[in-house]
Amino acid sequence: MSACQTCGACCAAYRVQFAVYELDEAGGSVPAALTDPVNGSTCRMRGTGEVPIRCVALSGTVGTAVGCTIYDQRPAPCHELSEGSYACHKARARHGLPALDPEPPL
């Protein structure tokens, strides 16, 4: 099991903004119903533009057991954040979770 499935800190720590072309209504895969517009070319996942941050697609309890309800349809920023990365460590720290082993070098 991936550490991400027991963590979810990134989904409750960062604003998830991305281009509107990723929305299902524009030919992409992200469900538009789960997003809020930012401007004409950018939108964000609902729940990530407010405090406390928690993406609307996150299910479960951060630090215990979590899942993404749109995992196969998630936007680019979610694909780009990797387990053990600097951003992962920062998100985990915000939730009082210990750091993971660093990403292996390429």
C-alpha atoms as a PDB file:
ATOM      1  CA  MET A   1       0.000   0.000   0.000  1.00  0.00           C
ATOM      2  CA  SER A   2       1.265   3.452  -0.874  1.00  0.00           C
ATOM      3  CA  ALA A   3       1.927   5.911   1.954  1.00  0.00           C
ATOM      4  CA  CYS A   4      -0.468   8.219   0.095  1.00  0.00           C
ATOM      5  CA  GLN A   5      -3.387   5.931   0.977  1.00  0.00           C
ATOM      6  CA  THR A   6      -2.775   6.516   4.675  1.00  0.00           C
ATOM      7  CA  CYS A   7      -1.833  10.180   4.357  1.00  0.00           C
ATOM      8  CA  GLY A   8      -3.841  12.580   2.166  1.00  0.00           C
ATOM      9  CA  ALA A   9      -2.047  15.595   3.637  1.00  0.00           C
ATOM     10  CA  CYS A  10      -1.407  17.160   0.227  1.00  0.00           C
ATOM     11  CA  CYS A  11      -5.156  17.123  -0.506  1.00  0.00           C
ATOM     12  CA  ALA A  12      -5.699  19.084   2.693  1.00  0.00           C
ATOM     13  CA  ALA A  13      -2.748  21.475   2.403  1.00  0.00           C
ATOM     14  CA  TYR A  14      -2.539  22.947  -1.097  1.00  0.00           C
ATOM     15  CA  ARG A  15      -4.661  25.008  -3.462  1.00  0.00           C
ATOM     16  CA  VAL A  16      -5.222  22.876  -6.564  1.00  0.00           C
ATOM     17  CA  GLN A  17      -5.463  25.225  -9.554  1.00  0.00           C
ATOM     18  CA  PHE A  18      -5.274  24.138 -13.177  1.00  0.00           C
ATOM     19  CA  ALA A  19      -6.245  25.110 -16.716  1.00  0.00           C
ATOM     20  CA  VAL A  20      -9.920  24.903 -17.657  1.00  0.00           C
ATOM     21  CA  TYR A  21      -9.040  22.648 -20.608  1.00  0.00           C
ATOM     22  CA  GLU A  22      -8.671  19.815 -18.058  1.00  0.00           C
ATOM     23  CA  LEU A  23     -12.412  19.979 -17.260  1.00  0.00           C
ATOM     24  CA  ASP A  24     -14.670  17.250 -18.620  1.00  0.00           C
ATOM     25  CA  GLU A  25     -16.906  19.875 -20.233  1.00  0.00           C
ATOM     26  CA  ALA A  26     -13.884  21.110 -22.233  1.00  0.00           C
ATOM     27  CA  GLY A  27     -12.787  17.631 -23.348  1.00  0.00           C
ATOM     28  CA  GLY A  28     -10.611  16.828 -20.332  1.00  0.00           C
ATOM     29  CA  SER A  29     -11.327  14.451 -17.480  1.00  0.00           C
ATOM     30  CA  VAL A  30     -11.754  16.521 -14.287  1.00  0.00           C
ATOM     31  CA  PRO A  31     -15.452  16.738 -13.301  1.00  0.00           C
ATOM     32  CA  ALA A  32     -16.395  20.410 -13.676  1.00  0.00           C
ATOM     33  CA  ALA A  33     -19.032  20.002 -10.959  1.00  0.00           C
ATOM     34  CA  LEU A  34     -16.209  19.600  -8.406  1.00  0.00           C
ATOM     35  CA  THR A  35     -14.426  22.826  -9.347  1.00  0.00           C
ATOM     36  CA  ASP A  36     -14.746  26.571  -8.882  1.00  0.00           C
ATOM     37  CA  PRO A  37     -13.731  29.135 -11.513  1.00  0.00           C
ATOM     38  CA  VAL A  38     -10.723  31.337 -10.762  1.00  0.00           C
ATOM     39  CA  ASN A  39     -10.705  33.310 -14.008  1.00  0.00           C
ATOM     40  CA  GLY A  40     -11.429  32.606 -17.677  1.00  0.00           C
ATOM     41  CA  SER A  41      -8.533  30.189 -18.074  1.00  0.00           C
ATOM     42  CA  THR A  42      -8.050  28.731 -14.590  1.00  0.00           C
ATOM     43  CA  CYS A  43     -10.177  26.818 -12.109  1.00  0.00           C
ATOM     44  CA  ARG A  44      -9.512  25.040  -8.819  1.00  0.00           C
ATOM     45  CA  MET A  45     -10.756  21.988  -7.014  1.00  0.00           C
ATOM     46  CA  ARG A  46     -13.565  22.910  -4.622  1.00  0.00           C
ATOM     47  CA  GLY A  47     -12.422  23.090  -1.033  1.00  0.00           C
ATOM     48  CA  THR A  48      -8.835  24.046  -1.881  1.00  0.00           C
ATOM     49  CA  GLY A  49      -9.468  27.766  -2.056  1.00  0.00           C
ATOM     50  CA  GLU A  50     -10.739  28.102   1.495  1.00  0.00           C
ATOM     51  CA  VAL A  51      -9.416  27.517   5.000  1.00  0.00           C
ATOM     52  CA  PRO A  52      -9.272  24.877   6.250  1.00  0.00           C
ATOM     53  CA  ILE A  53      -8.158  23.399   2.938  1.00  0.00           C
ATOM     54  CA  ARG A  54      -9.644  20.054   1.992  1.00  0.00           C
ATOM     55  CA  CYS A  55     -10.222  18.954  -1.576  1.00  0.00           C
ATOM     56  CA  VAL A  56     -13.810  17.935  -2.222  1.00  0.00           C
ATOM     57  CA  ALA A  57     -12.551  14.730  -3.891  1.00  0.00           C
ATOM     58  CA  LEU A  58     -10.688  13.553  -0.768  1.00  0.00           C
ATOM     59  CA  SER A  59     -12.434  10.807   1.172  1.00  0.00           C
ATOM     60  CA  GLY A  60     -11.418   9.443   4.558  1.00  0.00           C
ATOM     61  CA  THR A  61      -9.351  10.783   7.431  1.00  0.00           C
ATOM     62  CA  VAL A  62      -5.999  12.502   6.809  1.00  0.00           C
ATOM     63  CA  GLY A  63      -3.177  10.498   8.368  1.00  0.00           C
ATOM     64  CA  THR A  64      -5.262   7.345   8.730  1.00  0.00           C
ATOM     65  CA  ALA A  65      -6.921   6.102   5.537  1.00  0.00           C
ATOM     66  CA  VAL A  66      -7.786   8.239   2.511  1.00  0.00           C
ATOM     67  CA  GLY A  67      -8.647   8.032  -1.137  1.00  0.00           C
ATOM     68  CA  CYS A  68      -9.333  10.276  -4.074  1.00  0.00           C
ATOM     69  CA  THR A  69     -12.849   9.856  -5.425  1.00  0.00           C
ATOM     70  CA  ILE A  70     -11.663  11.032  -8.879  1.00  0.00           C
ATOM     71  CA  TYR A  71      -8.182   9.481  -8.872  1.00  0.00           C
ATOM     72  CA  ASP A  72      -8.236   8.516 -12.573  1.00  0.00           C
ATOM     73  CA  GLN A  73      -9.670  11.935 -13.465  1.00  0.00           C
ATOM     74  CA  ARG A  74      -7.559  14.127 -11.148  1.00  0.00           C
ATOM     75  CA  PRO A  75      -5.951  17.320 -12.516  1.00  0.00           C
ATOM     76  CA  ALA A  76      -2.287  17.840 -13.450  1.00  0.00           C
ATOM     77  CA  PRO A  77      -1.149  19.317 -10.104  1.00  0.00           C
ATOM     78  CA  CYS A  78      -2.235  16.098  -8.392  1.00  0.00           C
ATOM     79  CA  HIS A  79      -0.267  13.991 -10.891  1.00  0.00           C
ATOM     80  CA  GLU A  80       2.817  16.150 -10.361  1.00  0.00           C
ATOM     81  CA  LEU A  81       3.086  15.932  -6.558  1.00  0.00           C
ATOM     82  CA  SER A  82       4.969  12.764  -5.688  1.00  0.00           C
ATOM     83  CA  GLU A  83       5.291  10.702  -2.531  1.00  0.00           C
ATOM     84  CA  GLY A  84       8.374  11.706  -0.539  1.00  0.00           C
ATOM     85  CA  SER A  85       8.901  14.981  -2.425  1.00  0.00           C
ATOM     86  CA  TYR A  86       9.588  18.333  -0.755  1.00  0.00           C
ATOM     87  CA  ALA A  87       5.928  19.335  -1.195  1.00  0.00           C
ATOM     88  CA  CYS A  88       4.861  16.009   0.325  1.00  0.00           C
ATOM     89  CA  HIS A  89       7.060  16.608   3.380  1.00  0.00           C
ATOM     90  CA  LYS A  90       5.676  20.139   3.838  1.00  0.00           C
ATOM     91  CA  ALA A  91       2.069  18.920   3.621  1.00  0.00           C
ATOM     92  CA  ARG A  92       2.738  16.089   6.061  1.00  0.00           C
ATOM     93  CA  ALA A  93       4.398  18.510   8.501  1.00  0.00           C
ATOM     94  CA  ARG A  94       1.335  20.791   8.370  1.00  0.00           C
ATOM     95  CA  HIS A  95      -0.716  17.853   9.623  1.00  0.00           C
ATOM     96  CA  GLY A  96       1.789  16.699  12.228  1.00  0.00           C
ATOM     97  CA  LEU A  97       2.814  13.621  10.238  1.00  0.00           C
ATOM     98  CA  PRO A  98       6.436  12.448  10.045  1.00  0.00           C
ATOM     99  CA  ALA A  99       8.459  12.883   6.866  1.00  0.00           C
ATOM    100  CA  LEU A 100       8.773   9.959   4.475  1.00  0.00           C
ATOM    101  CA  ASP A 101      12.002   8.697   2.992  1.00  0.00           C
ATOM    102  CA  PRO A 102      13.141  11.122   0.267  1.00  0.00           C
ATOM    103  CA  GLU A 103      12.492  10.428  -3.401  1.00  0.00           C
ATOM    104  CA  PRO A 104      15.188   8.204  -4.913  1.00  0.00           C
ATOM    105  CA  PRO A 105      17.497  10.013  -7.347  1.00  0.00           C
ATOM    106  CA  LEU A 106      16.720   9.646 -11.051  1.00  0.00           C
END
